[in-house]
Protein backbone atom coordinates (compact mmCIF):
# COMPACT_ATOMS: atom_id res chain seq x y z
CA UNK A 1 -0.41 -0.12 -0.19
CA UNK A 2 1.58 3.24 -1.06
CA UNK A 3 2.19 5.64 1.81
CA UNK A 4 -0.21 8.33 3.04
CA UNK A 5 1.44 11.64 2.96
CA UNK A 6 0.06 14.55 4.77
CA UNK A 7 1.35 18.19 2.94
CA UNK A 8 0.41 21.60 5.09
CA UNK A 9 -0.24 24.30 3.92
CA UNK A 10 -0.36 27.57 4.81
CA UNK A 11 -1.96 30.18 2.33
CA UNK A 12 -1.00 30.94 -1.61
CA UNK A 13 1.95 32.95 -2.23
CA UNK A 14 5.36 32.91 -1.17
CA UNK A 15 4.95 36.32 0.67
CA UNK A 16 2.03 35.48 3.00
CA UNK A 17 1.37 31.81 2.51
CA UNK A 18 3.32 28.46 0.78
CA UNK A 19 5.83 29.01 -1.67
CA UNK A 20 3.70 27.14 -4.60
CA UNK A 21 6.83 26.28 -6.55
CA UNK A 22 8.26 24.43 -3.36
CA UNK A 23 4.50 22.97 -2.90
CA UNK A 24 4.28 22.11 -6.18
CA UNK A 25 7.49 20.42 -6.54
CA UNK A 26 6.48 18.18 -3.40
CA UNK A 27 3.26 17.15 -4.63
CA UNK A 28 5.34 16.24 -8.21
CA UNK A 29 7.96 13.90 -6.20
CA UNK A 30 4.73 12.40 -4.42
CA UNK A 31 3.09 11.45 -7.08
CA UNK A 32 5.77 10.41 -9.28
CA UNK A 33 6.08 7.93 -6.01
CA UNK A 34 2.38 7.10 -6.09
CA UNK A 35 1.87 8.53 -2.76
CA UNK A 36 -1.23 9.04 -1.34
CA UNK A 37 -1.39 12.85 -0.64
CA UNK A 38 -3.67 14.42 2.05
CA UNK A 39 -3.20 18.04 1.80
CA UNK A 40 -4.47 20.26 4.67
CA UNK A 41 -3.99 23.69 6.48
CA UNK A 42 -5.49 25.49 9.71
CA UNK A 43 -8.56 27.53 9.47
CA UNK A 44 -8.46 30.92 10.25
CA UNK A 45 -7.44 34.78 9.10
CA UNK A 46 -3.62 34.88 8.04
CA UNK A 47 -1.31 37.49 9.83
CA UNK A 48 -1.29 39.46 7.02
CA UNK A 49 -2.11 39.67 3.51
CA UNK A 50 0.87 40.80 0.83
CA UNK A 51 0.23 42.07 -2.68
CA UNK A 52 2.67 40.10 -4.53
CA UNK A 53 3.36 42.85 -7.19
CA UNK A 54 4.02 45.62 -4.58
CA UNK A 55 5.22 43.31 -2.00
CA UNK A 56 3.25 45.70 0.50
CA UNK A 57 0.65 44.26 2.66
CA UNK A 58 -3.12 44.94 1.98
CA UNK A 59 -6.28 45.59 4.06
CA UNK A 60 -8.41 42.47 2.92
CA UNK A 61 -8.17 39.30 5.01
CA UNK A 62 -8.30 35.75 3.57
CA UNK A 63 -8.55 32.25 4.84
CA UNK A 64 -5.46 30.25 5.34
CA UNK A 65 -7.56 26.96 4.51
CA UNK A 66 -9.49 28.60 1.50
CA UNK A 67 -6.06 30.13 0.08
CA UNK A 68 -4.37 26.82 0.62
CA UNK A 69 -6.94 24.93 -1.18
CA UNK A 70 -6.30 26.85 -4.58
CA UNK A 71 -2.69 24.91 -4.68
CA UNK A 72 -4.68 22.03 -3.43
CA UNK A 73 -7.37 22.48 -6.38
CA UNK A 74 -10.00 22.24 -3.76
CA UNK A 75 -8.87 19.01 -1.94
CA UNK A 76 -8.12 19.75 1.08
CA UNK A 77 -8.57 19.34 4.97
CA UNK A 78 -8.64 21.11 7.91
CA UNK A 79 -5.30 20.18 10.20
CA UNK A 80 -7.11 19.98 13.19
CA UNK A 81 -9.32 16.91 11.71
CA UNK A 82 -6.07 15.17 10.94
CA UNK A 83 -4.06 12.86 13.35
CA UNK A 84 -1.05 10.75 13.30
CA UNK A 85 -3.08 7.79 12.61
CA UNK A 86 -4.31 9.12 8.93
CA UNK A 87 -0.41 9.32 7.80
CA UNK A 88 2.86 7.83 7.35
CA UNK A 89 4.89 10.80 6.37
CA UNK A 90 3.93 15.04 6.84
CA UNK A 91 5.23 17.56 4.55
CA UNK A 92 5.91 21.17 5.44
CA UNK A 93 6.78 23.19 1.94
CA UNK A 94 8.18 26.73 2.86
CA UNK A 95 7.10 30.01 2.04
CA UNK A 96 6.45 33.19 4.59
CA UNK A 97 2.97 31.36 5.82
CA UNK A 98 4.87 28.96 7.78
CA UNK A 99 6.63 31.66 9.93
CA UNK A 100 3.65 34.04 9.77
CA UNK A 101 0.56 31.53 9.59
CA UNK A 102 1.82 28.21 11.32
CA UNK A 103 3.60 30.33 13.62
CA UNK A 104 4.69 33.41 14.65
CA UNK A 105 8.82 33.14 13.89
CA UNK A 106 8.37 36.45 11.31
CA UNK A 107 7.49 38.48 14.13
CA UNK A 108 9.26 36.67 17.08
CA UNK A 109 11.93 34.57 16.16
CA UNK A 110 13.15 32.03 18.25
CA UNK A 111 10.96 32.85 20.79
CA UNK A 112 7.74 31.89 18.16
CA UNK A 113 4.52 30.26 19.31
CA UNK A 114 3.32 27.43 16.51
CA UNK A 115 -0.20 27.04 15.89
CA UNK A 116 -1.69 24.82 18.22
CA UNK A 117 -2.67 21.90 15.57
CA UNK A 118 0.30 22.24 13.82
CA UNK A 119 2.29 21.65 16.78
CA UNK A 120 -0.38 19.17 18.05
CA UNK A 121 0.70 17.04 14.89
CA UNK A 122 4.08 16.95 14.76
CA UNK A 123 4.35 16.13 18.03
CA UNK A 124 1.96 13.01 16.94
CA UNK A 125 4.40 11.71 14.54
CA UNK A 126 7.45 12.67 16.30
CA UNK A 127 5.80 10.40 19.01
CA UNK A 128 4.47 7.48 16.51
CA UNK A 129 8.13 7.39 14.89
CA UNK A 130 6.70 8.57 11.80
CA UNK A 131 9.09 10.87 9.34
CA UNK A 132 8.57 14.67 8.50
CA UNK A 133 10.06 16.31 5.65
CA UNK A 134 10.25 20.40 5.42
CA UNK A 135 11.89 22.41 3.34
CA UNK A 136 12.91 26.33 3.27
CA UNK A 137 11.97 27.94 6.31
CA UNK A 138 9.66 25.70 7.87
CA UNK A 139 12.47 23.82 10.22
CA UNK A 140 12.28 26.37 12.59
CA UNK A 141 9.06 24.69 13.51
CA UNK A 142 10.55 21.36 14.55
CA UNK A 143 12.88 23.63 16.15
CA UNK A 144 10.25 24.85 17.95
CA UNK A 145 8.33 22.31 18.97
CA UNK A 146 11.12 19.24 19.74
CA UNK A 147 13.60 21.45 20.44
CA UNK A 148 11.53 22.22 23.69
CA UNK A 149 11.36 18.44 24.29
CA UNK A 150 14.96 18.27 24.51
CA UNK A 151 15.60 15.57 21.71
CA UNK A 152 18.06 18.44 19.53
CA UNK A 153 16.50 18.18 16.08
CA UNK A 154 19.08 18.02 13.14
CA UNK A 155 17.60 20.52 10.53
CA UNK A 156 19.22 22.45 7.75
CA UNK A 157 18.01 26.00 5.81
CA UNK A 158 21.14 26.11 3.84
CA UNK A 159 23.87 28.90 5.36
CA UNK A 160 21.72 31.63 6.51
CA UNK A 161 23.41 32.15 9.61
CA UNK A 162 20.23 34.47 11.67
CA UNK A 163 17.80 31.50 10.61
CA UNK A 164 20.84 28.55 11.63
CA UNK A 165 21.06 30.30 15.39
CA UNK A 166 17.77 30.55 15.88
CA UNK A 167 17.31 27.27 15.20
CA UNK A 168 20.10 26.01 17.82
CA UNK A 169 18.52 29.07 20.09
CA UNK A 170 15.32 26.77 20.39
CA UNK A 171 17.34 23.82 20.77
CA UNK A 172 17.91 22.18 17.18
CA UNK A 173 21.21 21.30 15.62
CA UNK A 174 21.64 23.36 12.29
CA UNK A 175 23.69 21.01 9.48
CA UNK A 176 25.02 23.77 6.77
CA UNK A 177 23.81 22.12 3.57
CA UNK A 178 24.12 23.10 -0.30
CA UNK A 179 21.12 24.46 -1.86
CA UNK A 180 19.67 20.90 -3.61
CA UNK A 181 21.02 18.98 -0.34
CA UNK A 182 19.35 17.64 2.69
CA UNK A 183 20.14 17.31 6.33
CA UNK A 184 18.64 13.62 7.80
CA UNK A 185 18.03 12.98 10.97
CA UNK A 186 17.64 9.29 11.32
CA UNK A 187 16.97 9.49 15.29
CA UNK A 188 14.12 11.80 15.02
CA UNK A 189 13.28 10.84 11.54
CA UNK A 190 13.46 14.46 10.08
CA UNK A 191 14.77 15.27 6.51
CA UNK A 192 15.12 19.06 5.54
CA UNK A 193 15.92 20.94 2.59
CA UNK A 194 16.99 25.00 1.63
CA UNK A 195 14.82 24.92 -1.41
CA UNK A 196 14.53 29.14 -1.69
CA UNK A 197 16.28 30.00 1.56
CA UNK A 198 19.14 30.37 -1.46
CA UNK A 199 18.84 32.43 -3.98
CA UNK A 200 18.64 29.71 -6.67
CA UNK A 201 15.84 28.64 -9.64
CA UNK A 202 13.15 26.32 -9.30
CA UNK A 203 15.01 23.13 -10.76
CA UNK A 204 17.13 23.48 -7.81
CA UNK A 205 14.62 23.82 -5.62
CA UNK A 206 12.76 20.81 -7.19
CA UNK A 207 15.81 18.60 -6.97
CA UNK A 208 16.47 19.29 -3.29
CA UNK A 209 12.78 18.85 -2.37
CA UNK A 210 12.74 15.42 -4.64
CA UNK A 211 15.72 14.01 -2.56
CA UNK A 212 13.53 14.76 0.89
CA UNK A 213 10.40 13.17 -0.37
CA UNK A 214 12.67 10.05 -1.41
CA UNK A 215 14.55 10.04 1.97
CA UNK A 216 11.00 10.55 4.15
CA UNK A 217 9.16 7.84 2.01
CA UNK A 218 12.31 5.28 2.66
CA UNK A 219 12.04 6.12 6.08
CA UNK A 220 8.24 5.52 6.08
CA UNK A 221 8.96 1.74 4.82
CA UNK A 222 7.38 2.02 1.66
CA UNK A 223 9.14 -0.38 0.05
CA UNK A 224 7.56 0.10 -3.33
CA UNK A 225 7.82 4.10 -3.51
CA UNK A 226 11.43 3.77 -5.35
CA UNK A 227 9.96 1.09 -7.97
CA UNK A 228 7.37 3.30 -9.09
CA UNK A 229 9.50 6.04 -9.20
CA UNK A 230 11.32 4.03 -11.72
CA UNK A 231 8.45 3.31 -13.67
CA UNK A 232 7.07 6.84 -13.98
CA UNK A 233 10.85 8.13 -14.96
CA UNK A 234 10.42 5.03 -17.76
CA UNK A 235 13.11 3.39 -16.29
CA UNK A 236 13.52 -0.56 -15.83
């Protein structure tokens, strides 16, 4: 049976929600491997709405779940209604939504709070020894939630010194990686990749996220994921 993979979205757009290319890369990499994808997001207003042309705040309000449904093509669940029993793997694309809507990292840094439903799901998967993949800025979520438990999660956001220092301050262990690299924490069953924390293009982002997906599916014990990937790629 294919792995059931939850993809946590945080809106639609890099400056106030999920980074669309990162989210799409994860969805494509999962589809290539035949995973069963469950997209989800919290309900509630975004922390702010950003005009992506001017990159300035607007006065309008947008619901995180409704905006995330744009990426999920309407097939999405409220994260508060999902438990670890529903999933084999959990994936977090990046984008400022992870730092604004899934947490308060954008405004409070190392002292941030994580959305209660997001925190609960991370804690449940970690307790069940189920793998979690995180891209771009999203590793700060694992640093905050799991760092508080004293397990010192190993994570990467590439080479950004300020964010790396925040991860360390929250109880994580930062590992520098190249743009398409991954940090693999086998003890805590975490895999992270820098994605757009670097000044790169979408192909490099995809390569890192695809590698992250491969690692978490291997951790999940899905024995046919690599076979399905080879078939989808036209290889024998």
